[in-house]
Each structure stands twice: as structure tokens, then as C-alpha cells.
Amino acid sequence: AEPLKFVEEGGCDIATADALLRANGFKMGPFELIDLVGLDVNLSVSRSLWEAYYAEPRYRPSLLVEERVAAGRLGRKTSRGFYEYPSSPQPLSGTLPKAEAPRDVVAKGELGPAKVLLEMATTAGMHVVYDPGDGYVGLGALHLSQSDGRMAAEHGKDCVLFDLSLDWARTNLVALAASSGTDVAQAAAFFQALGKEVVQVADLPGMLSARTICMLINEACDTLLRKIATRDDVDTAMQKGLNFPGGPLQWADRFGAEYCVRVLDNMARAYGEDRYRASVLLRRMALTGEKFYASAQ
């Protein structure tokens, strides 16, 4: 649902959205997966779920799917869906050109889930200086921050946001978003020096991966809260049933419930809708610092 909404709002094109989530370890991008299952099947399931939960905003069907179903573009079975077949998926285009790597990097405070980037920067030959601050990477006048659900425009001028990653060591593609008039070349060069390709997406709340992953975590928490399934059931089902690169409740432990709630709260404020309300269980764990597992996985 979140990649569909992100593309609906002009965040990026379909091929880029799929590539970014594959880079996060998902075996297929969401649009590839919908094409495989069938857009008519996806729409039917979405409608029934939305109606069963009394028009719950999280489950609202996507207009992107609806318009293609109306046009007979049902996916692989009709040779046309989000992609044209058999030549799909399309190769990624629009990666940013190579730029000279920065020599000096200033770590302003704690980077949370992205702190490993500083170790990688040191290994890549950059000189990293650690200073107090609000949790961002300083590249000259540029502030490079991990998405926390706010738009770069909310951070002000000279801010570039990078999206959440499930595994920075394995991710080969990074998304950046910038406030209006801000040049992303220095930020791109930082990630390129770490061996990553870089794309720029539109400045939308939560970017793509952060909003998708935090909403998956939130849904898992609500499933647990309502006693629909146990902790182990949830994570096993997502890994064995959908081939996820980890369980959502494992991700919650890794990134911290507080980070997930912050992303959701900032998105709820930006959009002004109930879709992004944090699960009571997730919010409680953010307040207490509890984890789902004895040790974070």
C-alpha cells in the first residue's frame, strides 16, 4: 500500500520503487509482485479487507490498481500490468552521476539505525570527526539526515534526507530527497564512495523504505496486540510465507520502537489522517524501551 501511495503522489517511477525495495532485501518489488498475483486479485482483496475493517484508512484500495484493472491491464496474465511483458521488469534509470568523494565528514550526534555508515565511511578513507549534535552527517554546509517521517523541507535549507535501510552492508541503491534548491551532489558522493548507486526521489513524508517498513512493523504490532497471532507466528509467516528479509518485529527491535513511532507520528501530522496512527503496543514499547526479543535480532 505504501509504495502504491508513494508513486501515486509522484515520489518516483514504478521501476525505481521496485528497485529500492529489492535493494532492501525484498525478493520482488511490490509492483512486480502485484503483476505476478494479478491486479484484479489485488484489487478484490484490497476492497474486501477495506470493507471488512469498516473503511480502515490503512487498507484503502489504490487508484493506480483500479485504473489499470478498468483498462484490462491485469498483470502477467494479460501481458500488461504495471509493466509490459515479457520484457519486464524495466532496468533502473536515473541514477545520479558519479561525484568526487568527500574527504572530511562530521558526525553530529547519534545516527541511530544509520550509525554503521560512519564505520563504512572510515573504511572508505574518509576522515570522520565526532561532534555533539542532533543526529546528522555534516558535509560542509550540507546536513545529511536519515528520514524520520518529515520532509526535507521541514528541516530547512541545505538538508538532504536518505532513506531507511534494512542492511547498509548489502544495500546497493540509496534514495535521497532534498529541500527545494538544495544540491544533492555531495550527499550522493558520500554514498557512492561507500559503493552505492544513488537516486533522487521527491520530497515526501517518510520517503519510500522508511514509510513502508514502519507501516509493516505497525501492522505486525496491531496483529500481536489483538492476539491474532503470536510474536513468532508473525515473524515466521512474513519470512516463510512472503520471503521477507526478516520479521517485522525483529526490525522493530533493531531500529527501536521510538524511531518507528517518530516516523509514523511525523507522517500522521504531515498527512493529517488516521492512516499513520501508531499501534498502542508500539507506542507503549517506545515509552518503556522494551523489545520483542530478549536480544535485538
Protein backbone atom coordinates (compact mmCIF):
# COMPACT_ATOMS: atom_id res chain seq x y z
CA ALA A 1 0.00 0.00 0.00
CA GLU A 2 2.76 2.50 0.85
CA PRO A 3 4.77 2.11 -2.40
CA LEU A 4 1.49 2.50 -4.31
CA LYS A 5 0.72 5.71 -2.42
CA PHE A 6 4.28 6.99 -2.84
CA VAL A 7 4.14 6.51 -6.63
CA GLU A 8 0.60 7.97 -6.77
CA GLU A 9 1.98 11.15 -5.19
CA GLY A 10 4.82 11.41 -7.71
CA GLY A 11 7.54 10.18 -5.36
CA CYS A 12 9.30 8.18 -8.07
CA ASP A 13 8.51 5.94 -11.01
CA ILE A 14 7.42 2.32 -10.67
CA ALA A 15 10.74 0.76 -11.70
CA THR A 16 12.63 2.89 -9.15
CA ALA A 17 10.23 1.94 -6.35
CA ASP A 18 10.70 -1.75 -7.11
CA ALA A 19 14.49 -1.38 -7.34
CA LEU A 20 14.70 0.45 -4.00
CA LEU A 21 12.78 -2.25 -2.15
CA ARG A 22 14.72 -5.05 -3.84
CA ALA A 23 17.88 -3.26 -2.68
CA ASN A 24 16.49 -3.60 0.84
CA GLY A 25 16.43 -7.38 0.51
CA PHE A 26 12.88 -7.99 -0.73
CA LYS A 27 12.96 -10.66 -3.44
CA MET A 28 10.48 -8.80 -5.63
CA GLY A 29 9.37 -5.20 -5.75
CA PRO A 30 5.72 -4.54 -4.84
CA PHE A 31 4.69 -3.70 -8.43
CA GLU A 32 6.36 -6.84 -9.79
CA LEU A 33 4.55 -8.82 -7.12
CA ILE A 34 1.14 -7.31 -7.91
CA ASP A 35 1.71 -8.07 -11.61
CA LEU A 36 2.50 -11.68 -10.69
CA VAL A 37 -0.56 -12.11 -8.45
CA GLY A 38 -2.87 -10.18 -10.79
CA LEU A 39 -4.10 -6.63 -10.39
CA ASP A 40 -7.72 -7.81 -10.35
CA VAL A 41 -6.94 -10.19 -7.50
CA ASN A 42 -5.08 -7.45 -5.63
CA LEU A 43 -7.99 -5.04 -6.06
CA SER A 44 -10.58 -7.60 -4.98
CA VAL A 45 -8.64 -8.50 -1.84
CA SER A 46 -7.99 -4.83 -1.05
CA ARG A 47 -11.68 -3.96 -1.36
CA SER A 48 -12.83 -6.88 0.80
CA LEU A 49 -10.26 -6.07 3.50
CA TRP A 50 -11.15 -2.36 3.44
CA GLU A 51 -14.87 -3.16 3.76
CA ALA A 52 -14.34 -5.81 6.45
CA TYR A 53 -12.47 -3.27 8.59
CA TYR A 54 -15.14 -0.55 8.12
CA ALA A 55 -13.09 1.62 5.74
CA GLU A 56 -9.88 1.48 7.78
CA PRO A 57 -7.61 4.09 6.08
CA ARG A 58 -4.56 1.76 6.07
CA TYR A 59 -6.39 -0.64 3.75
CA ARG A 60 -7.83 1.86 1.27
CA PRO A 61 -7.54 0.41 -2.30
CA SER A 62 -5.18 2.15 -4.68
CA LEU A 63 -6.37 4.19 -7.66
CA LEU A 64 -3.24 3.06 -9.53
CA VAL A 65 -4.51 -0.52 -9.38
CA GLU A 66 -8.14 0.39 -10.03
CA GLU A 67 -7.45 2.35 -13.21
CA ARG A 68 -5.32 -0.45 -14.67
CA VAL A 69 -7.96 -3.06 -13.89
CA ALA A 70 -10.53 -0.88 -15.64
CA ALA A 71 -8.22 -0.78 -18.67
CA GLY A 72 -7.78 -4.58 -18.69
CA ARG A 73 -4.14 -4.38 -17.59
CA LEU A 74 -4.23 -7.27 -15.13
CA GLY A 75 -0.53 -8.13 -14.95
CA ARG A 76 1.43 -11.03 -16.36
CA LYS A 77 -1.67 -12.98 -17.36
CA THR A 78 -2.66 -10.24 -19.85
CA SER A 79 0.96 -9.31 -20.71
CA ARG A 80 0.33 -5.81 -19.36
CA GLY A 81 0.05 -4.51 -15.84
CA PHE A 82 2.44 -2.09 -14.22
CA TYR A 83 4.98 -3.46 -16.71
CA GLU A 84 4.81 -4.75 -20.26
CA TYR A 85 5.63 -8.47 -20.64
CA PRO A 86 7.69 -10.46 -21.46
CA SER A 87 10.29 -7.68 -21.32
CA SER A 88 9.79 -6.75 -17.65
CA PRO A 89 10.95 -5.54 -15.21
CA GLN A 90 12.50 -2.49 -16.80
CA PRO A 91 16.10 -1.58 -15.96
CA LEU A 92 16.56 1.24 -13.50
CA SER A 93 17.31 4.62 -14.99
CA GLY A 94 18.04 7.98 -13.43
CA THR A 95 20.88 7.10 -11.05
CA LEU A 96 22.90 10.18 -10.16
CA PRO A 97 26.27 10.74 -11.87
CA LYS A 98 29.48 9.99 -10.03
CA ALA A 99 30.93 12.82 -7.96
CA GLU A 100 34.18 13.24 -6.05
CA ALA A 101 34.09 11.61 -2.62
CA PRO A 102 34.21 13.94 0.40
CA ARG A 103 37.41 13.86 2.44
CA ASP A 104 36.02 15.13 5.73
CA VAL A 105 32.79 14.03 7.40
CA VAL A 106 31.39 15.38 10.67
CA ALA A 107 29.12 13.11 12.70
CA LYS A 108 26.78 15.38 14.62
CA GLY A 109 25.39 13.28 17.45
CA GLU A 110 23.91 9.78 17.23
CA LEU A 111 22.72 8.47 13.87
CA GLY A 112 20.58 5.68 15.30
CA PRO A 113 19.92 2.89 12.76
CA ALA A 114 22.39 4.51 10.33
CA LYS A 115 25.41 4.68 12.65
CA VAL A 116 27.16 1.90 10.70
CA LEU A 117 27.56 4.38 7.83
CA LEU A 118 30.28 6.17 9.80
CA GLU A 119 32.29 2.96 10.15
CA MET A 120 31.87 2.36 6.43
CA ALA A 121 32.98 5.94 5.69
CA THR A 122 36.16 5.45 7.73
CA THR A 123 36.89 2.20 5.88
CA ALA A 124 36.37 4.05 2.58
CA GLY A 125 39.12 6.51 3.54
CA MET A 126 37.07 9.47 4.78
CA HIS A 127 38.14 11.39 7.87
CA VAL A 128 35.25 11.22 10.36
CA VAL A 129 35.07 13.71 13.23
CA TYR A 130 32.54 13.14 16.03
CA ASP A 131 30.80 16.21 17.50
CA PRO A 132 27.68 16.79 19.59
CA GLY A 133 24.57 17.48 17.56
CA ASP A 134 21.08 16.46 16.55
CA GLY A 135 21.97 13.26 14.68
CA TYR A 136 23.11 14.08 11.18
CA VAL A 137 26.18 13.89 8.94
CA GLY A 138 27.81 17.21 8.14
CA LEU A 139 29.29 17.57 4.66
CA GLY A 140 30.45 21.16 4.68
CA ALA A 141 27.29 23.25 4.91
CA LEU A 142 25.13 20.27 3.96
CA HIS A 143 23.15 18.34 6.58
CA LEU A 144 22.64 14.67 5.66
CA SER A 145 19.97 13.01 7.83
CA GLN A 146 18.09 9.74 7.91
CA SER A 147 14.39 10.02 7.14
CA ASP A 148 12.29 10.31 10.30
CA GLY A 149 8.94 10.83 8.60
CA ARG A 150 9.42 14.55 8.00
CA MET A 151 10.06 16.10 4.60
CA ALA A 152 13.47 17.63 3.92
CA ALA A 153 11.64 20.96 3.55
CA GLU A 154 10.72 20.74 7.24
CA HIS A 155 14.41 20.54 8.16
CA GLY A 156 15.19 23.70 6.22
CA LYS A 157 17.67 24.70 3.54
CA ASP A 158 20.78 22.61 2.85
CA CYS A 159 19.17 19.41 4.14
CA VAL A 160 19.32 16.10 2.28
CA LEU A 161 17.50 13.05 3.62
CA PHE A 162 18.45 9.43 2.97
CA ASP A 163 16.02 6.55 3.25
CA LEU A 164 15.99 3.73 5.80
CA SER A 165 17.94 0.55 5.00
CA LEU A 166 17.47 -2.92 6.47
CA ASP A 167 21.14 -3.74 5.89
CA TRP A 168 23.59 -1.00 4.91
CA ALA A 169 26.33 -3.51 4.11
CA ARG A 170 24.21 -5.19 1.42
CA THR A 171 22.15 -2.29 0.11
CA ASN A 172 23.40 -1.28 -3.34
CA LEU A 173 20.93 1.54 -4.02
CA VAL A 174 20.16 4.58 -1.87
CA ALA A 175 17.35 7.12 -2.20
CA LEU A 176 17.89 10.80 -1.39
CA ALA A 177 15.36 13.62 -1.03
CA ALA A 178 16.23 17.28 -0.70
CA SER A 179 14.66 20.56 0.30
CA SER A 180 13.95 22.92 -2.59
CA GLY A 181 17.08 24.37 -4.18
CA THR A 182 19.47 22.03 -2.36
CA ASP A 183 22.12 20.29 -4.46
CA VAL A 184 22.38 16.59 -3.60
CA ALA A 185 25.76 16.04 -5.33
CA GLN A 186 27.80 15.98 -2.09
CA ALA A 187 25.35 13.61 -0.42
CA ALA A 188 25.37 11.36 -3.48
CA ALA A 189 29.18 11.36 -3.48
CA PHE A 190 29.20 10.22 0.16
CA PHE A 191 27.14 7.12 -0.64
CA GLN A 192 28.91 6.49 -3.94
CA ALA A 193 32.19 6.35 -2.01
CA LEU A 194 30.59 3.54 0.02
CA GLY A 195 29.93 1.58 -3.18
CA LYS A 196 26.25 2.52 -3.56
CA GLU A 197 24.27 3.80 -6.51
CA VAL A 198 22.09 6.80 -5.73
CA VAL A 199 18.72 8.05 -6.95
CA GLN A 200 16.84 11.19 -6.01
CA VAL A 201 13.14 10.91 -5.17
CA ALA A 202 10.54 13.58 -4.46
CA ASP A 203 10.48 15.17 -1.02
CA LEU A 204 7.53 13.30 0.52
CA PRO A 205 6.92 12.37 4.18
CA GLY A 206 8.66 9.13 5.16
CA MET A 207 10.33 8.66 1.76
CA LEU A 208 9.74 5.09 0.46
CA SER A 209 11.50 2.46 2.58
CA ALA A 210 11.03 4.18 5.94
CA ARG A 211 7.29 4.56 5.48
CA THR A 212 6.90 1.02 4.12
CA ILE A 213 8.98 -0.70 6.80
CA CYS A 214 7.49 1.29 9.69
CA MET A 215 3.96 0.58 8.49
CA LEU A 216 4.77 -3.15 8.25
CA ILE A 217 6.11 -3.01 11.81
CA ASN A 218 3.00 -1.14 12.93
CA GLU A 219 0.69 -3.69 11.33
CA ALA A 220 2.60 -6.53 12.98
CA CYS A 221 2.23 -4.80 16.37
CA ASP A 222 -1.53 -4.43 15.91
CA THR A 223 -1.78 -8.10 14.94
CA LEU A 224 0.05 -9.02 18.14
CA LEU A 225 -1.96 -6.57 20.25
CA ARG A 226 -5.26 -8.07 19.06
CA LYS A 227 -3.99 -11.60 19.75
CA ILE A 228 -4.48 -12.63 16.12
CA ALA A 229 -1.04 -14.26 16.16
CA THR A 230 1.96 -14.66 18.44
CA ARG A 231 5.27 -12.85 18.04
CA ASP A 232 6.91 -15.91 16.49
CA ASP A 233 3.89 -16.57 14.24
CA VAL A 234 4.06 -13.05 12.81
CA ASP A 235 7.76 -13.06 12.03
CA THR A 236 7.79 -16.65 10.74
CA ALA A 237 4.78 -16.05 8.47
CA MET A 238 6.35 -12.98 6.90
CA GLN A 239 9.70 -14.70 6.33
CA LYS A 240 8.42 -18.11 5.20
CA GLY A 241 5.16 -17.04 3.59
CA LEU A 242 6.23 -13.82 1.86
CA ASN A 243 10.01 -14.36 1.82
CA PHE A 244 10.64 -11.12 3.71
CA PRO A 245 14.30 -10.39 4.57
CA GLY A 246 13.48 -10.61 8.29
CA GLY A 247 10.44 -10.36 10.52
CA PRO A 248 8.74 -7.00 11.22
CA LEU A 249 9.03 -7.45 14.98
CA GLN A 250 12.74 -8.22 14.59
CA TRP A 251 13.04 -4.97 12.63
CA ALA A 252 11.25 -3.11 15.43
CA ASP A 253 13.90 -4.30 17.88
CA ARG A 254 16.73 -3.41 15.52
CA PHE A 255 15.59 0.13 14.76
CA GLY A 256 13.88 0.79 18.08
CA ALA A 257 10.18 1.32 18.69
CA GLU A 258 10.85 5.01 19.40
CA TYR A 259 12.19 5.56 15.88
CA CYS A 260 9.21 3.78 14.30
CA VAL A 261 6.72 5.83 16.32
CA ARG A 262 8.54 9.05 15.39
CA VAL A 263 8.28 8.21 11.68
CA LEU A 264 4.57 7.40 11.98
CA ASP A 265 3.74 10.45 14.11
CA ASN A 266 5.53 12.81 11.72
CA MET A 267 3.70 11.27 8.77
CA ALA A 268 0.34 11.45 10.58
CA ARG A 269 0.95 15.14 11.23
CA ALA A 270 2.01 15.80 7.61
CA TYR A 271 -0.94 13.99 6.05
CA GLY A 272 -3.49 14.81 8.75
CA GLU A 273 -5.08 11.38 8.51
CA ASP A 274 -5.62 8.35 10.72
CA ARG A 275 -3.79 6.02 8.32
CA TYR A 276 -0.48 6.57 10.14
CA ARG A 277 -1.60 6.26 13.76
CA ALA A 278 0.88 4.21 15.76
CA SER A 279 -0.29 0.96 17.35
CA VAL A 280 -0.84 1.31 21.10
CA LEU A 281 1.56 -1.60 21.60
CA LEU A 282 4.30 0.04 19.52
CA ARG A 283 3.83 3.37 21.33
CA ARG A 284 3.96 1.70 24.74
CA MET A 285 7.18 -0.09 23.84
CA ALA A 286 8.66 3.18 22.62
CA LEU A 287 7.91 4.75 26.01
CA THR A 288 9.29 1.84 28.07
CA GLY A 289 12.23 0.86 25.84
CA GLU A 290 11.04 -2.76 25.77
CA LYS A 291 11.93 -5.16 22.98
CA PHE A 292 10.02 -8.04 21.45
CA TYR A 293 13.00 -10.38 21.80
CA ALA A 294 15.42 -10.76 24.71
CA SER A 295 18.20 -9.53 22.41
CA ALA A 296 17.67 -7.49 19.25
CA GLN A 297 17.84 -9.68 16.11
